[in-house]
Amino acid sequence: MSGWQEYISSLMRDGLCCDAAVISVAHQQLLAAHPGGVLANMTQLEIQVLLGRNRDTLLTQGTTLGGLRCLVIRDNLYTDTHNYTMDLRTKRQEENSDTCTYAITVALANPVCLILVGQKGIQGGTLNLKAFKTVRYIKNSMHQ
């Protein structure tokens, strides 16, 4: 687990993310997460829904990550575009709440999946770029 925890530290270092996690695709379990972050509380069921092949309910009803309600903006996790990402947005927790919502990027980098939650005001495109760079690094390091 410590090796993946180093990836979390790296993802958090520049201040773009307020939370991050690495999950195993094969075992559908949490491998590492930012200490004290919401993603550290992800359940196996939440991970199974996120990585499951049945996308209908996920796309129409959203999902939860660590108990935090999220809406799917774009799902290319299992498409043939070789993009392998999903964009989510946190849902306001209370109807009249002034709390902001946060962008979330999920990126597939077999054998793992990365989840990045942006700081307040960070857009999904910025998170996607960060995720793509990390995914490329993971894939390159696996082939060495």
N, C-alpha and C. Protein backbone atom coordinates (compact mmCIF):
# COMPACT_ATOMS: atom_id res chain seq x y z
N MET A 1 0.82 -1.20 0.00
CA MET A 1 0.00 0.00 0.00
C MET A 1 0.86 1.25 0.00
N SER A 2 2.03 1.20 0.58
CA SER A 2 2.86 2.40 0.70
C SER A 2 3.27 2.95 -0.66
N GLY A 3 3.51 2.07 -1.65
CA GLY A 3 3.86 2.54 -2.98
C GLY A 3 2.77 3.39 -3.59
N TRP A 4 1.54 2.97 -3.46
CA TRP A 4 0.42 3.75 -3.99
C TRP A 4 0.19 5.01 -3.17
N GLN A 5 0.52 4.96 -1.90
CA GLN A 5 0.37 6.15 -1.05
C GLN A 5 1.30 7.26 -1.54
N GLU A 6 2.44 6.89 -2.10
CA GLU A 6 3.37 7.88 -2.67
C GLU A 6 2.73 8.59 -3.86
N TYR A 7 1.93 7.88 -4.65
CA TYR A 7 1.20 8.51 -5.75
C TYR A 7 0.20 9.54 -5.20
N ILE A 8 -0.47 9.17 -4.13
CA ILE A 8 -1.42 10.11 -3.51
C ILE A 8 -0.70 11.37 -3.07
N SER A 9 0.44 11.23 -2.41
CA SER A 9 1.22 12.39 -1.97
C SER A 9 1.62 13.25 -3.16
N SER A 10 2.02 12.61 -4.24
CA SER A 10 2.41 13.32 -5.45
C SER A 10 1.22 14.08 -6.06
N LEU A 11 0.06 13.43 -6.10
CA LEU A 11 -1.14 14.07 -6.65
C LEU A 11 -1.57 15.28 -5.82
N MET A 12 -1.34 15.23 -4.53
CA MET A 12 -1.77 16.30 -3.62
C MET A 12 -0.78 17.46 -3.55
N ARG A 13 0.44 17.23 -3.98
CA ARG A 13 1.54 18.16 -3.75
C ARG A 13 1.31 19.56 -4.32
N ASP A 14 0.77 19.69 -5.55
CA ASP A 14 0.67 21.01 -6.18
C ASP A 14 -0.55 21.82 -5.75
N GLY A 15 -1.42 21.26 -4.93
CA GLY A 15 -2.55 22.01 -4.41
C GLY A 15 -3.77 22.04 -5.31
N LEU A 16 -3.75 21.35 -6.46
CA LEU A 16 -4.93 21.32 -7.33
C LEU A 16 -6.03 20.41 -6.77
N CYS A 17 -5.62 19.38 -6.06
CA CYS A 17 -6.56 18.39 -5.53
C CYS A 17 -6.78 18.59 -4.03
N CYS A 18 -8.02 18.38 -3.61
CA CYS A 18 -8.29 18.38 -2.18
C CYS A 18 -8.45 16.96 -1.65
N ASP A 19 -8.51 15.99 -2.59
CA ASP A 19 -8.62 14.59 -2.20
C ASP A 19 -8.20 13.72 -3.39
N ALA A 20 -7.74 12.51 -3.10
CA ALA A 20 -7.33 11.59 -4.16
C ALA A 20 -7.34 10.17 -3.60
N ALA A 21 -7.53 9.22 -4.53
CA ALA A 21 -7.52 7.80 -4.13
C ALA A 21 -7.03 6.95 -5.29
N VAL A 22 -6.50 5.78 -4.95
CA VAL A 22 -6.11 4.77 -5.91
C VAL A 22 -6.86 3.50 -5.54
N ILE A 23 -7.57 2.92 -6.52
CA ILE A 23 -8.30 1.69 -6.25
C ILE A 23 -7.85 0.59 -7.21
N SER A 24 -7.90 -0.63 -6.75
CA SER A 24 -7.55 -1.79 -7.56
C SER A 24 -8.72 -2.11 -8.47
N VAL A 25 -8.45 -2.25 -9.77
CA VAL A 25 -9.51 -2.60 -10.72
C VAL A 25 -9.89 -4.06 -10.54
N ALA A 26 -8.93 -4.94 -10.44
CA ALA A 26 -9.20 -6.38 -10.35
C ALA A 26 -9.92 -6.75 -9.05
N HIS A 27 -9.48 -6.18 -7.93
CA HIS A 27 -10.04 -6.54 -6.63
C HIS A 27 -11.13 -5.58 -6.18
N GLN A 28 -11.29 -4.49 -6.92
CA GLN A 28 -12.27 -3.46 -6.61
C GLN A 28 -12.24 -3.08 -5.13
N GLN A 29 -11.04 -2.65 -4.71
CA GLN A 29 -10.87 -2.21 -3.33
C GLN A 29 -9.93 -1.02 -3.29
N LEU A 30 -10.03 -0.26 -2.24
CA LEU A 30 -9.20 0.92 -2.03
C LEU A 30 -7.77 0.50 -1.70
N LEU A 31 -6.80 1.04 -2.44
CA LEU A 31 -5.39 0.74 -2.18
C LEU A 31 -4.72 1.86 -1.40
N ALA A 32 -5.12 3.11 -1.68
CA ALA A 32 -4.52 4.27 -0.99
C ALA A 32 -5.46 5.46 -1.14
N ALA A 33 -5.42 6.34 -0.16
CA ALA A 33 -6.25 7.55 -0.20
C ALA A 33 -5.61 8.64 0.64
N HIS A 34 -5.99 9.88 0.34
CA HIS A 34 -5.50 11.01 1.11
C HIS A 34 -6.04 10.90 2.54
N PRO A 35 -5.16 10.91 3.53
CA PRO A 35 -5.60 10.77 4.92
C PRO A 35 -6.59 11.88 5.30
N GLY A 36 -7.71 11.47 5.86
CA GLY A 36 -8.72 12.43 6.30
C GLY A 36 -9.66 12.89 5.20
N GLY A 37 -9.42 12.44 3.96
CA GLY A 37 -10.28 12.82 2.85
C GLY A 37 -11.54 11.96 2.79
N VAL A 38 -12.53 12.43 2.06
CA VAL A 38 -13.78 11.71 1.90
C VAL A 38 -13.55 10.37 1.20
N LEU A 39 -12.64 10.35 0.21
CA LEU A 39 -12.41 9.12 -0.55
C LEU A 39 -11.83 8.01 0.30
N ALA A 40 -11.22 8.33 1.42
CA ALA A 40 -10.69 7.30 2.33
C ALA A 40 -11.84 6.48 2.92
N ASN A 41 -13.06 7.00 2.85
CA ASN A 41 -14.23 6.31 3.39
C ASN A 41 -15.03 5.55 2.34
N MET A 42 -14.48 5.41 1.12
CA MET A 42 -15.21 4.69 0.08
C MET A 42 -15.45 3.25 0.48
N THR A 43 -16.66 2.79 0.20
CA THR A 43 -17.00 1.41 0.50
C THR A 43 -16.76 0.54 -0.73
N GLN A 44 -16.70 -0.76 -0.51
CA GLN A 44 -16.52 -1.69 -1.62
C GLN A 44 -17.71 -1.59 -2.58
N LEU A 45 -18.90 -1.39 -2.07
CA LEU A 45 -20.09 -1.25 -2.92
C LEU A 45 -19.97 -0.01 -3.81
N GLU A 46 -19.52 1.11 -3.26
CA GLU A 46 -19.33 2.33 -4.06
C GLU A 46 -18.31 2.09 -5.18
N ILE A 47 -17.25 1.38 -4.87
CA ILE A 47 -16.22 1.07 -5.87
C ILE A 47 -16.79 0.15 -6.94
N GLN A 48 -17.57 -0.84 -6.54
CA GLN A 48 -18.18 -1.76 -7.50
C GLN A 48 -19.12 -1.03 -8.45
N VAL A 49 -19.91 -0.10 -7.93
CA VAL A 49 -20.81 0.68 -8.78
C VAL A 49 -20.00 1.55 -9.74
N LEU A 50 -18.96 2.18 -9.26
CA LEU A 50 -18.12 3.05 -10.08
C LEU A 50 -17.45 2.28 -11.22
N LEU A 51 -16.94 1.08 -10.92
CA LEU A 51 -16.21 0.30 -11.90
C LEU A 51 -17.06 -0.73 -12.64
N GLY A 52 -18.31 -0.88 -12.23
CA GLY A 52 -19.18 -1.89 -12.84
C GLY A 52 -19.46 -1.63 -14.31
N ARG A 53 -19.76 -2.68 -15.03
CA ARG A 53 -20.03 -2.58 -16.47
C ARG A 53 -21.45 -2.08 -16.76
N ASN A 54 -22.38 -2.20 -15.81
CA ASN A 54 -23.73 -1.69 -16.00
C ASN A 54 -23.72 -0.20 -15.67
N ARG A 55 -23.78 0.62 -16.70
CA ARG A 55 -23.63 2.07 -16.53
C ARG A 55 -24.96 2.80 -16.42
N ASP A 56 -26.08 2.14 -16.69
CA ASP A 56 -27.38 2.81 -16.76
C ASP A 56 -27.74 3.54 -15.46
N THR A 57 -27.72 2.84 -14.35
CA THR A 57 -28.08 3.46 -13.07
C THR A 57 -27.09 4.55 -12.69
N LEU A 58 -25.82 4.29 -12.93
CA LEU A 58 -24.78 5.26 -12.63
C LEU A 58 -25.03 6.56 -13.39
N LEU A 59 -25.37 6.44 -14.68
CA LEU A 59 -25.58 7.62 -15.51
C LEU A 59 -26.86 8.37 -15.19
N THR A 60 -27.89 7.67 -14.78
CA THR A 60 -29.17 8.33 -14.52
C THR A 60 -29.33 8.81 -13.08
N GLN A 61 -28.75 8.08 -12.13
CA GLN A 61 -28.95 8.43 -10.72
C GLN A 61 -27.69 8.94 -10.03
N GLY A 62 -26.55 8.83 -10.69
CA GLY A 62 -25.31 9.24 -10.05
C GLY A 62 -24.80 8.16 -9.12
N THR A 63 -23.89 8.54 -8.26
CA THR A 63 -23.29 7.57 -7.34
C THR A 63 -22.85 8.30 -6.08
N THR A 64 -22.29 7.57 -5.16
CA THR A 64 -21.66 8.17 -3.98
C THR A 64 -20.21 7.69 -3.92
N LEU A 65 -19.36 8.55 -3.42
CA LEU A 65 -17.95 8.22 -3.18
C LEU A 65 -17.65 8.66 -1.76
N GLY A 66 -17.40 7.72 -0.90
CA GLY A 66 -17.18 8.05 0.50
C GLY A 66 -18.40 8.70 1.14
N GLY A 67 -19.58 8.37 0.62
CA GLY A 67 -20.82 8.94 1.13
C GLY A 67 -21.19 10.27 0.49
N LEU A 68 -20.34 10.81 -0.35
CA LEU A 68 -20.58 12.09 -1.01
C LEU A 68 -21.32 11.86 -2.33
N ARG A 69 -22.50 12.48 -2.47
CA ARG A 69 -23.31 12.31 -3.68
C ARG A 69 -22.63 12.97 -4.87
N CYS A 70 -22.59 12.27 -6.01
CA CYS A 70 -21.94 12.76 -7.23
C CYS A 70 -22.83 12.51 -8.44
N LEU A 71 -22.76 13.42 -9.39
CA LEU A 71 -23.45 13.29 -10.66
C LEU A 71 -22.43 13.03 -11.75
N VAL A 72 -22.78 12.18 -12.70
CA VAL A 72 -21.89 11.88 -13.82
C VAL A 72 -22.06 12.95 -14.89
N ILE A 73 -20.96 13.58 -15.27
CA ILE A 73 -20.96 14.59 -16.33
C ILE A 73 -20.63 13.93 -17.68
N ARG A 74 -19.60 13.08 -17.68
CA ARG A 74 -19.15 12.40 -18.90
C ARG A 74 -18.53 11.07 -18.49
N ASP A 75 -18.93 10.01 -19.21
CA ASP A 75 -18.42 8.67 -18.87
C ASP A 75 -17.79 8.03 -20.09
N ASN A 76 -16.46 8.03 -20.13
CA ASN A 76 -15.70 7.33 -21.17
C ASN A 76 -14.80 6.27 -20.55
N LEU A 77 -15.17 5.78 -19.38
CA LEU A 77 -14.32 4.83 -18.67
C LEU A 77 -14.12 3.53 -19.45
N TYR A 78 -15.18 3.07 -20.11
CA TYR A 78 -15.09 1.80 -20.84
C TYR A 78 -15.41 1.97 -22.32
N THR A 79 -15.17 3.13 -22.88
CA THR A 79 -15.44 3.34 -24.30
C THR A 79 -14.20 2.99 -25.12
N ASP A 80 -14.38 2.94 -26.41
CA ASP A 80 -13.26 2.61 -27.28
C ASP A 80 -12.50 3.85 -27.75
N THR A 81 -12.69 4.98 -27.07
CA THR A 81 -11.98 6.20 -27.44
C THR A 81 -10.56 6.24 -26.87
N HIS A 82 -10.22 5.25 -26.08
CA HIS A 82 -8.91 5.18 -25.41
C HIS A 82 -8.71 6.37 -24.47
N ASN A 83 -9.80 6.94 -24.03
CA ASN A 83 -9.78 8.06 -23.10
C ASN A 83 -9.77 7.53 -21.67
N TYR A 84 -10.60 6.55 -21.39
CA TYR A 84 -10.68 5.84 -20.12
C TYR A 84 -10.81 6.77 -18.91
N THR A 85 -11.68 7.77 -19.03
CA THR A 85 -11.92 8.68 -17.91
C THR A 85 -13.41 8.89 -17.70
N MET A 86 -13.73 9.37 -16.53
CA MET A 86 -15.09 9.75 -16.19
C MET A 86 -15.01 11.07 -15.44
N ASP A 87 -15.89 11.99 -15.78
CA ASP A 87 -15.98 13.26 -15.06
C ASP A 87 -17.25 13.26 -14.24
N LEU A 88 -17.09 13.61 -12.96
CA LEU A 88 -18.23 13.71 -12.05
C LEU A 88 -18.21 15.10 -11.42
N ARG A 89 -19.28 15.42 -10.78
CA ARG A 89 -19.38 16.67 -10.02
C ARG A 89 -20.10 16.33 -8.73
N THR A 90 -19.61 16.85 -7.63
CA THR A 90 -20.31 16.60 -6.37
C THR A 90 -21.66 17.30 -6.43
N LYS A 91 -22.61 16.73 -5.74
CA LYS A 91 -23.96 17.29 -5.69
C LYS A 91 -24.08 18.10 -4.41
N ARG A 92 -24.76 19.22 -4.49
CA ARG A 92 -24.99 20.01 -3.27
C ARG A 92 -25.66 19.12 -2.24
N GLN A 93 -25.16 19.17 -1.04
CA GLN A 93 -25.64 18.26 0.00
C GLN A 93 -26.98 18.71 0.58
N GLU A 94 -27.24 20.01 0.55
CA GLU A 94 -28.52 20.53 1.04
C GLU A 94 -29.13 21.39 -0.05
N GLU A 95 -30.45 21.37 -0.13
CA GLU A 95 -31.17 22.06 -1.19
C GLU A 95 -30.82 23.55 -1.28
N ASN A 96 -30.80 24.25 -0.18
CA ASN A 96 -30.54 25.69 -0.18
C ASN A 96 -29.13 26.04 0.25
N SER A 97 -28.25 25.11 0.13
CA SER A 97 -26.88 25.30 0.60
C SER A 97 -26.08 26.17 -0.37
N ASP A 98 -25.23 27.01 0.17
CA ASP A 98 -24.34 27.83 -0.64
C ASP A 98 -22.99 27.15 -0.85
N THR A 99 -22.85 25.93 -0.36
CA THR A 99 -21.58 25.23 -0.55
C THR A 99 -21.36 24.96 -2.02
N CYS A 100 -20.12 25.06 -2.43
CA CYS A 100 -19.81 24.85 -3.85
C CYS A 100 -19.74 23.36 -4.15
N THR A 101 -19.74 23.06 -5.42
CA THR A 101 -19.57 21.67 -5.86
C THR A 101 -18.14 21.52 -6.36
N TYR A 102 -17.67 20.29 -6.42
CA TYR A 102 -16.29 20.03 -6.79
C TYR A 102 -16.23 19.09 -7.99
N ALA A 103 -15.26 19.32 -8.87
CA ALA A 103 -15.01 18.45 -10.01
C ALA A 103 -14.26 17.22 -9.54
N ILE A 104 -14.61 16.08 -10.13
CA ILE A 104 -13.95 14.81 -9.84
C ILE A 104 -13.60 14.15 -11.16
N THR A 105 -12.38 13.64 -11.25
CA THR A 105 -11.95 12.87 -12.42
C THR A 105 -11.59 11.46 -11.98
N VAL A 106 -12.11 10.49 -12.72
CA VAL A 106 -11.77 9.09 -12.52
C VAL A 106 -11.02 8.66 -13.77
N ALA A 107 -9.84 8.09 -13.59
CA ALA A 107 -9.01 7.69 -14.74
C ALA A 107 -8.54 6.26 -14.57
N LEU A 108 -8.73 5.47 -15.61
CA LEU A 108 -8.36 4.07 -15.59
C LEU A 108 -6.91 3.91 -16.06
N ALA A 109 -6.11 3.27 -15.23
CA ALA A 109 -4.70 3.00 -15.54
C ALA A 109 -4.39 1.58 -15.08
N ASN A 110 -4.97 0.60 -15.76
CA ASN A 110 -4.82 -0.78 -15.32
C ASN A 110 -3.40 -1.05 -14.84
N PRO A 111 -3.26 -1.58 -13.65
CA PRO A 111 -4.20 -2.33 -12.84
C PRO A 111 -4.96 -1.50 -11.81
N VAL A 112 -4.85 -0.18 -11.89
CA VAL A 112 -5.50 0.67 -10.91
C VAL A 112 -6.38 1.72 -11.59
N CYS A 113 -7.17 2.36 -10.75
CA CYS A 113 -8.01 3.48 -11.18
C CYS A 113 -7.72 4.64 -10.22
N LEU A 114 -7.51 5.82 -10.78
CA LEU A 114 -7.25 7.01 -9.97
C LEU A 114 -8.52 7.82 -9.83
N ILE A 115 -8.72 8.41 -8.67
CA ILE A 115 -9.83 9.33 -8.45
C ILE A 115 -9.23 10.61 -7.88
N LEU A 116 -9.48 11.73 -8.56
CA LEU A 116 -8.97 13.03 -8.13
C LEU A 116 -10.15 13.97 -7.89
N VAL A 117 -10.14 14.65 -6.76
CA VAL A 117 -11.15 15.66 -6.44
C VAL A 117 -10.45 17.01 -6.43
N GLY A 118 -10.94 17.93 -7.25
CA GLY A 118 -10.31 19.24 -7.35
C GLY A 118 -10.64 20.15 -6.19
N GLN A 119 -9.75 21.08 -5.93
CA GLN A 119 -10.01 22.13 -4.94
C GLN A 119 -11.17 22.99 -5.44
N LYS A 120 -11.71 23.80 -4.59
CA LYS A 120 -12.78 24.72 -4.96
C LYS A 120 -12.29 25.59 -6.13
N GLY A 121 -13.09 25.63 -7.20
CA GLY A 121 -12.76 26.45 -8.36
C GLY A 121 -11.93 25.77 -9.43
N ILE A 122 -11.40 24.59 -9.15
CA ILE A 122 -10.61 23.85 -10.15
C ILE A 122 -11.58 23.12 -11.08
N GLN A 123 -11.42 23.34 -12.38
CA GLN A 123 -12.31 22.75 -13.37
C GLN A 123 -11.88 21.33 -13.74
N GLY A 124 -12.83 20.58 -14.29
CA GLY A 124 -12.59 19.19 -14.67
C GLY A 124 -11.46 19.02 -15.67
N GLY A 125 -11.33 19.96 -16.62
CA GLY A 125 -10.27 19.86 -17.62
C GLY A 125 -8.88 19.88 -17.00
N THR A 126 -8.71 20.70 -15.99
CA THR A 126 -7.43 20.77 -15.28
C THR A 126 -7.15 19.45 -14.58
N LEU A 127 -8.17 18.87 -13.95
CA LEU A 127 -8.00 17.57 -13.29
C LEU A 127 -7.71 16.47 -14.30
N ASN A 128 -8.40 16.52 -15.46
CA ASN A 128 -8.16 15.52 -16.50
C ASN A 128 -6.71 15.53 -16.95
N LEU A 129 -6.16 16.69 -17.17
CA LEU A 129 -4.76 16.81 -17.60
C LEU A 129 -3.84 16.18 -16.57
N LYS A 130 -4.07 16.49 -15.31
CA LYS A 130 -3.26 15.92 -14.23
C LYS A 130 -3.42 14.39 -14.19
N ALA A 131 -4.65 13.91 -14.36
CA ALA A 131 -4.89 12.47 -14.35
C ALA A 131 -4.21 11.79 -15.54
N PHE A 132 -4.30 12.39 -16.74
CA PHE A 132 -3.67 11.81 -17.93
C PHE A 132 -2.16 11.67 -17.74
N LYS A 133 -1.53 12.69 -17.18
CA LYS A 133 -0.09 12.64 -16.96
C LYS A 133 0.28 11.51 -15.99
N THR A 134 -0.51 11.37 -14.93
CA THR A 134 -0.24 10.34 -13.94
C THR A 134 -0.48 8.95 -14.52
N VAL A 135 -1.56 8.80 -15.29
CA VAL A 135 -1.86 7.53 -15.94
C VAL A 135 -0.73 7.14 -16.89
N ARG A 136 -0.26 8.08 -17.68
CA ARG A 136 0.84 7.81 -18.61
C ARG A 136 2.08 7.36 -17.84
N TYR A 137 2.38 8.02 -16.72
CA TYR A 137 3.53 7.66 -15.91
C TYR A 137 3.37 6.23 -15.36
N ILE A 138 2.19 5.89 -14.87
CA ILE A 138 1.95 4.55 -14.32
C ILE A 138 2.12 3.50 -15.42
N LYS A 139 1.52 3.75 -16.57
CA LYS A 139 1.60 2.78 -17.67
C LYS A 139 3.04 2.61 -18.15
N ASN A 140 3.78 3.70 -18.25
CA ASN A 140 5.18 3.60 -18.66
C ASN A 140 6.03 2.86 -17.64
N SER A 141 5.77 3.08 -16.37
CA SER A 141 6.56 2.42 -15.33
C SER A 141 6.22 0.94 -15.25
N MET A 142 5.01 0.54 -15.66
CA MET A 142 4.63 -0.88 -15.64
C MET A 142 5.30 -1.65 -16.78
N HIS A 143 5.67 -0.93 -17.85
CA HIS A 143 6.26 -1.58 -19.02
C HIS A 143 7.79 -1.52 -19.03
N GLN A 144 8.39 -1.11 -17.96
CA GLN A 144 9.85 -1.01 -17.91
C GLN A 144 10.45 -2.26 -17.30
